[in-house]
Amino acid sequence: MRIVTRLIAMNRARLLGRQLREIERQVHNLPKRTRARLGTMALREIGQASRCDFPHLYGTPPEERYLAWGQGTDIGLARARSDNAEVAMRGIALWLAVAYHETKNTPHENIRPHHRDLMRLLRELKEQHRADPMQEWGVQATAAA
């Protein structure tokens, strides 16, 4: 049984790595202002997922809750490929949230590097959100009022 579990985990790690590279490309192709918004959306999605009973199954239809891995990453990636910019951003945020929870405390050695890469991408989004000049303008405008 351990061999089967390892094979499934290896296949999942390979799939997550491929999806992560595509998500990274899409994130880096976004304009800076959009990346700042994406950081906020991803943080919100991660928070919503953490309130679920099984955060790694966030976005998975209820009838498929008994799978080893949910379909949130697949759904998020499909939406991220959309021509509609808003749908694509929401898909990227969903993918980031589900992948974060799926890789966070994984016992599988070959999935852990993906968590580090994912954390690096989330840190980049967080830094760009902090550097957003419109955010500072909003804070200054409310302070002046």
C-alpha atoms as a PDB file:
ATOM      1  CA  MET A   1       0.000   0.000   0.000  1.00  0.00           C
ATOM      2  CA  ARG A   2       2.888   2.354   0.723  1.00  0.00           C
ATOM      3  CA  ILE A   3       4.218   1.917  -2.795  1.00  0.00           C
ATOM      4  CA  VAL A   4       0.850   2.821  -4.279  1.00  0.00           C
ATOM      5  CA  THR A   5       0.616   5.865  -2.015  1.00  0.00           C
ATOM      6  CA  ARG A   6       4.106   6.980  -3.057  1.00  0.00           C
ATOM      7  CA  LEU A   7       3.287   6.541  -6.742  1.00  0.00           C
ATOM      8  CA  ILE A   8       0.107   8.582  -6.357  1.00  0.00           C
ATOM      9  CA  ALA A   9       2.026  11.278  -4.443  1.00  0.00           C
ATOM     10  CA  MET A  10       4.757  11.354  -7.111  1.00  0.00           C
ATOM     11  CA  ASN A  11       2.169  11.767  -9.845  1.00  0.00           C
ATOM     12  CA  ARG A  12       0.432  14.502  -7.862  1.00  0.00           C
ATOM     13  CA  ALA A  13       3.750  16.284  -7.266  1.00  0.00           C
ATOM     14  CA  ARG A  14       4.507  16.214 -10.987  1.00  0.00           C
ATOM     15  CA  LEU A  15       1.058  17.601 -11.810  1.00  0.00           C
ATOM     16  CA  LEU A  16       1.329  20.342  -9.155  1.00  0.00           C
ATOM     17  CA  GLY A  17       4.774  21.318 -10.440  1.00  0.00           C
ATOM     18  CA  ARG A  18       3.489  21.674 -13.992  1.00  0.00           C
ATOM     19  CA  GLN A  19       0.468  23.676 -12.848  1.00  0.00           C
ATOM     20  CA  LEU A  20       2.610  25.875 -10.592  1.00  0.00           C
ATOM     21  CA  ARG A  21       4.904  26.802 -13.489  1.00  0.00           C
ATOM     22  CA  GLU A  22       1.896  27.800 -15.583  1.00  0.00           C
ATOM     23  CA  ILE A  23       0.386  29.830 -12.725  1.00  0.00           C
ATOM     24  CA  GLU A  24       3.738  31.572 -12.138  1.00  0.00           C
ATOM     25  CA  ARG A  25       3.927  32.513 -15.827  1.00  0.00           C
ATOM     26  CA  GLN A  26       0.427  33.927 -15.733  1.00  0.00           C
ATOM     27  CA  VAL A  27       1.127  35.883 -12.534  1.00  0.00           C
ATOM     28  CA  HIS A  28       4.353  37.363 -13.925  1.00  0.00           C
ATOM     29  CA  ASN A  29       2.545  38.384 -17.127  1.00  0.00           C
ATOM     30  CA  LEU A  30       0.018  40.445 -15.153  1.00  0.00           C
ATOM     31  CA  PRO A  31       0.496  44.214 -14.758  1.00  0.00           C
ATOM     32  CA  LYS A  32       1.827  45.323 -11.347  1.00  0.00           C
ATOM     33  CA  ARG A  33      -1.491  46.814 -10.189  1.00  0.00           C
ATOM     34  CA  THR A  34      -3.294  43.618 -11.074  1.00  0.00           C
ATOM     35  CA  ARG A  35      -0.714  41.538  -9.206  1.00  0.00           C
ATOM     36  CA  ALA A  36      -1.315  43.678  -6.114  1.00  0.00           C
ATOM     37  CA  ARG A  37      -5.058  42.947  -6.382  1.00  0.00           C
ATOM     38  CA  LEU A  38      -4.320  39.274  -6.944  1.00  0.00           C
ATOM     39  CA  GLY A  39      -2.361  39.153  -3.693  1.00  0.00           C
ATOM     40  CA  THR A  40      -5.399  40.421  -1.808  1.00  0.00           C
ATOM     41  CA  MET A  41      -7.691  37.961  -3.580  1.00  0.00           C
ATOM     42  CA  ALA A  42      -5.366  35.032  -2.878  1.00  0.00           C
ATOM     43  CA  LEU A  43      -5.124  35.940   0.801  1.00  0.00           C
ATOM     44  CA  ARG A  44      -8.916  36.122   1.021  1.00  0.00           C
ATOM     45  CA  GLU A  45      -9.270  32.721  -0.694  1.00  0.00           C
ATOM     46  CA  ILE A  46      -6.689  31.143   1.639  1.00  0.00           C
ATOM     47  CA  GLY A  47      -8.636  32.485   4.617  1.00  0.00           C
ATOM     48  CA  GLN A  48     -11.942  31.172   3.297  1.00  0.00           C
ATOM     49  CA  ALA A  49     -10.416  27.775   2.604  1.00  0.00           C
ATOM     50  CA  SER A  50      -8.954  27.596   6.108  1.00  0.00           C
ATOM     51  CA  ARG A  51     -12.458  27.933   7.559  1.00  0.00           C
ATOM     52  CA  CYS A  52     -13.553  24.740   5.764  1.00  0.00           C
ATOM     53  CA  ASP A  53     -13.445  21.333   7.417  1.00  0.00           C
ATOM     54  CA  PHE A  54     -10.964  20.149   4.786  1.00  0.00           C
ATOM     55  CA  PRO A  55      -9.114  23.198   3.391  1.00  0.00           C
ATOM     56  CA  HIS A  56      -7.261  21.188   0.743  1.00  0.00           C
ATOM     57  CA  LEU A  57     -10.653  20.233  -0.749  1.00  0.00           C
ATOM     58  CA  TYR A  58     -11.786  23.861  -1.069  1.00  0.00           C
ATOM     59  CA  GLY A  59     -13.495  24.369  -4.417  1.00  0.00           C
ATOM     60  CA  THR A  60     -14.206  20.652  -4.841  1.00  0.00           C
ATOM     61  CA  PRO A  61     -17.844  19.686  -5.450  1.00  0.00           C
ATOM     62  CA  PRO A  62     -19.416  18.122  -2.299  1.00  0.00           C
ATOM     63  CA  GLU A  63     -20.035  14.749  -3.938  1.00  0.00           C
ATOM     64  CA  GLU A  64     -16.276  14.334  -4.497  1.00  0.00           C
ATOM     65  CA  ARG A  65     -15.105  15.046  -0.936  1.00  0.00           C
ATOM     66  CA  TYR A  66     -13.614  11.592  -0.427  1.00  0.00           C
ATOM     67  CA  LEU A  67     -10.766  11.855  -2.899  1.00  0.00           C
ATOM     68  CA  ALA A  68      -7.143  12.011  -1.770  1.00  0.00           C
ATOM     69  CA  TRP A  69      -6.808  15.390  -3.480  1.00  0.00           C
ATOM     70  CA  GLY A  70      -9.595  17.697  -4.458  1.00  0.00           C
ATOM     71  CA  GLN A  71     -10.303  19.301  -7.787  1.00  0.00           C
ATOM     72  CA  GLY A  72      -9.792  22.892  -6.638  1.00  0.00           C
ATOM     73  CA  THR A  73      -6.438  23.187  -8.390  1.00  0.00           C
ATOM     74  CA  ASP A  74      -7.875  21.825 -11.647  1.00  0.00           C
ATOM     75  CA  ILE A  75     -10.877  24.153 -11.457  1.00  0.00           C
ATOM     76  CA  GLY A  76      -8.656  27.114 -10.568  1.00  0.00           C
ATOM     77  CA  LEU A  77      -6.277  26.373 -13.454  1.00  0.00           C
ATOM     78  CA  ALA A  78      -9.152  26.069 -15.917  1.00  0.00           C
ATOM     79  CA  ARG A  79     -10.459  29.458 -14.783  1.00  0.00           C
ATOM     80  CA  ALA A  80      -6.940  30.950 -14.864  1.00  0.00           C
ATOM     81  CA  ARG A  81      -6.783  30.099 -18.574  1.00  0.00           C
ATOM     82  CA  SER A  82      -9.905  32.178 -19.259  1.00  0.00           C
ATOM     83  CA  ASP A  83      -9.817  35.139 -21.636  1.00  0.00           C
ATOM     84  CA  ASN A  84     -11.821  37.153 -19.112  1.00  0.00           C
ATOM     85  CA  ALA A  85      -9.272  38.895 -16.856  1.00  0.00           C
ATOM     86  CA  GLU A  86     -11.476  38.841 -13.729  1.00  0.00           C
ATOM     87  CA  VAL A  87     -12.283  35.136 -14.101  1.00  0.00           C
ATOM     88  CA  ALA A  88      -8.591  34.398 -14.692  1.00  0.00           C
ATOM     89  CA  MET A  89      -7.559  36.291 -11.544  1.00  0.00           C
ATOM     90  CA  ARG A  90     -10.160  34.480  -9.454  1.00  0.00           C
ATOM     91  CA  GLY A  91      -8.959  31.185 -10.888  1.00  0.00           C
ATOM     92  CA  ILE A  92      -5.351  31.967 -10.002  1.00  0.00           C
ATOM     93  CA  ALA A  93      -6.404  32.952  -6.467  1.00  0.00           C
ATOM     94  CA  LEU A  94      -8.379  29.712  -6.095  1.00  0.00           C
ATOM     95  CA  TRP A  95      -5.429  27.665  -7.361  1.00  0.00           C
ATOM     96  CA  LEU A  96      -3.039  29.386  -4.963  1.00  0.00           C
ATOM     97  CA  ALA A  97      -5.362  28.826  -1.991  1.00  0.00           C
ATOM     98  CA  VAL A  98      -5.995  25.146  -2.664  1.00  0.00           C
ATOM     99  CA  ALA A  99      -2.357  24.399  -3.508  1.00  0.00           C
ATOM    100  CA  TYR A 100      -1.239  26.217  -0.350  1.00  0.00           C
ATOM    101  CA  HIS A 101      -3.439  24.085   1.896  1.00  0.00           C
ATOM    102  CA  GLU A 102      -2.675  20.908  -0.029  1.00  0.00           C
ATOM    103  CA  THR A 103       1.088  21.315   0.268  1.00  0.00           C
ATOM    104  CA  LYS A 104       1.299  22.991   3.688  1.00  0.00           C
ATOM    105  CA  ASN A 105       1.825  20.027   6.031  1.00  0.00           C
ATOM    106  CA  THR A 106       2.227  17.257   3.518  1.00  0.00           C
ATOM    107  CA  PRO A 107       3.953  14.058   4.633  1.00  0.00           C
ATOM    108  CA  HIS A 108       5.116  13.452   1.046  1.00  0.00           C
ATOM    109  CA  GLU A 109       8.719  14.479   0.505  1.00  0.00           C
ATOM    110  CA  ASN A 110       8.332  15.203  -3.224  1.00  0.00           C
ATOM    111  CA  ILE A 111       5.487  17.715  -2.680  1.00  0.00           C
ATOM    112  CA  ARG A 112       7.340  19.867  -0.117  1.00  0.00           C
ATOM    113  CA  PRO A 113       9.462  21.764  -2.704  1.00  0.00           C
ATOM    114  CA  HIS A 114       6.241  22.927  -4.350  1.00  0.00           C
ATOM    115  CA  HIS A 115       5.136  24.453  -1.049  1.00  0.00           C
ATOM    116  CA  ARG A 116       8.377  26.434  -0.855  1.00  0.00           C
ATOM    117  CA  ASP A 117       7.920  27.649  -4.451  1.00  0.00           C
ATOM    118  CA  LEU A 118       4.317  28.532  -3.712  1.00  0.00           C
ATOM    119  CA  MET A 119       5.324  30.487  -0.599  1.00  0.00           C
ATOM    120  CA  ARG A 120       7.900  32.389  -2.666  1.00  0.00           C
ATOM    121  CA  LEU A 121       5.201  33.347  -5.190  1.00  0.00           C
ATOM    122  CA  LEU A 122       2.819  34.414  -2.419  1.00  0.00           C
ATOM    123  CA  ARG A 123       5.598  36.491  -0.826  1.00  0.00           C
ATOM    124  CA  GLU A 124       6.170  38.249  -4.171  1.00  0.00           C
ATOM    125  CA  LEU A 125       2.458  39.048  -4.395  1.00  0.00           C
ATOM    126  CA  LYS A 126       2.472  40.314  -0.813  1.00  0.00           C
ATOM    127  CA  GLU A 127       5.463  42.580  -1.470  1.00  0.00           C
ATOM    128  CA  GLN A 128       3.827  44.008  -4.582  1.00  0.00           C
ATOM    129  CA  HIS A 129       0.657  44.630  -2.621  1.00  0.00           C
ATOM    130  CA  ARG A 130       2.641  46.570  -0.032  1.00  0.00           C
ATOM    131  CA  ALA A 131       4.408  48.564  -2.763  1.00  0.00           C
ATOM    132  CA  ASP A 132       1.120  49.496  -4.490  1.00  0.00           C
ATOM    133  CA  PRO A 133       1.040  53.334  -4.702  1.00  0.00           C
ATOM    134  CA  MET A 134      -2.772  53.375  -4.921  1.00  0.00           C
ATOM    135  CA  GLN A 135      -2.985  51.633  -1.554  1.00  0.00           C
ATOM    136  CA  GLU A 136      -0.951  54.432   0.040  1.00  0.00           C
ATOM    137  CA  TRP A 137      -3.083  57.037  -1.712  1.00  0.00           C
ATOM    138  CA  GLY A 138      -6.243  55.436  -0.242  1.00  0.00           C
ATOM    139  CA  VAL A 139      -4.761  55.484   3.249  1.00  0.00           C
ATOM    140  CA  GLN A 140      -3.720  59.131   2.899  1.00  0.00           C
ATOM    141  CA  ALA A 141      -7.155  60.088   1.566  1.00  0.00           C
ATOM    142  CA  THR A 142      -8.958  58.520   4.532  1.00  0.00           C
ATOM    143  CA  ALA A 143      -6.521  60.062   6.997  1.00  0.00           C
ATOM    144  CA  ALA A 144      -7.150  63.509   5.510  1.00  0.00           C
ATOM    145  CA  ALA A 145     -10.937  63.149   5.761  1.00  0.00           C
END
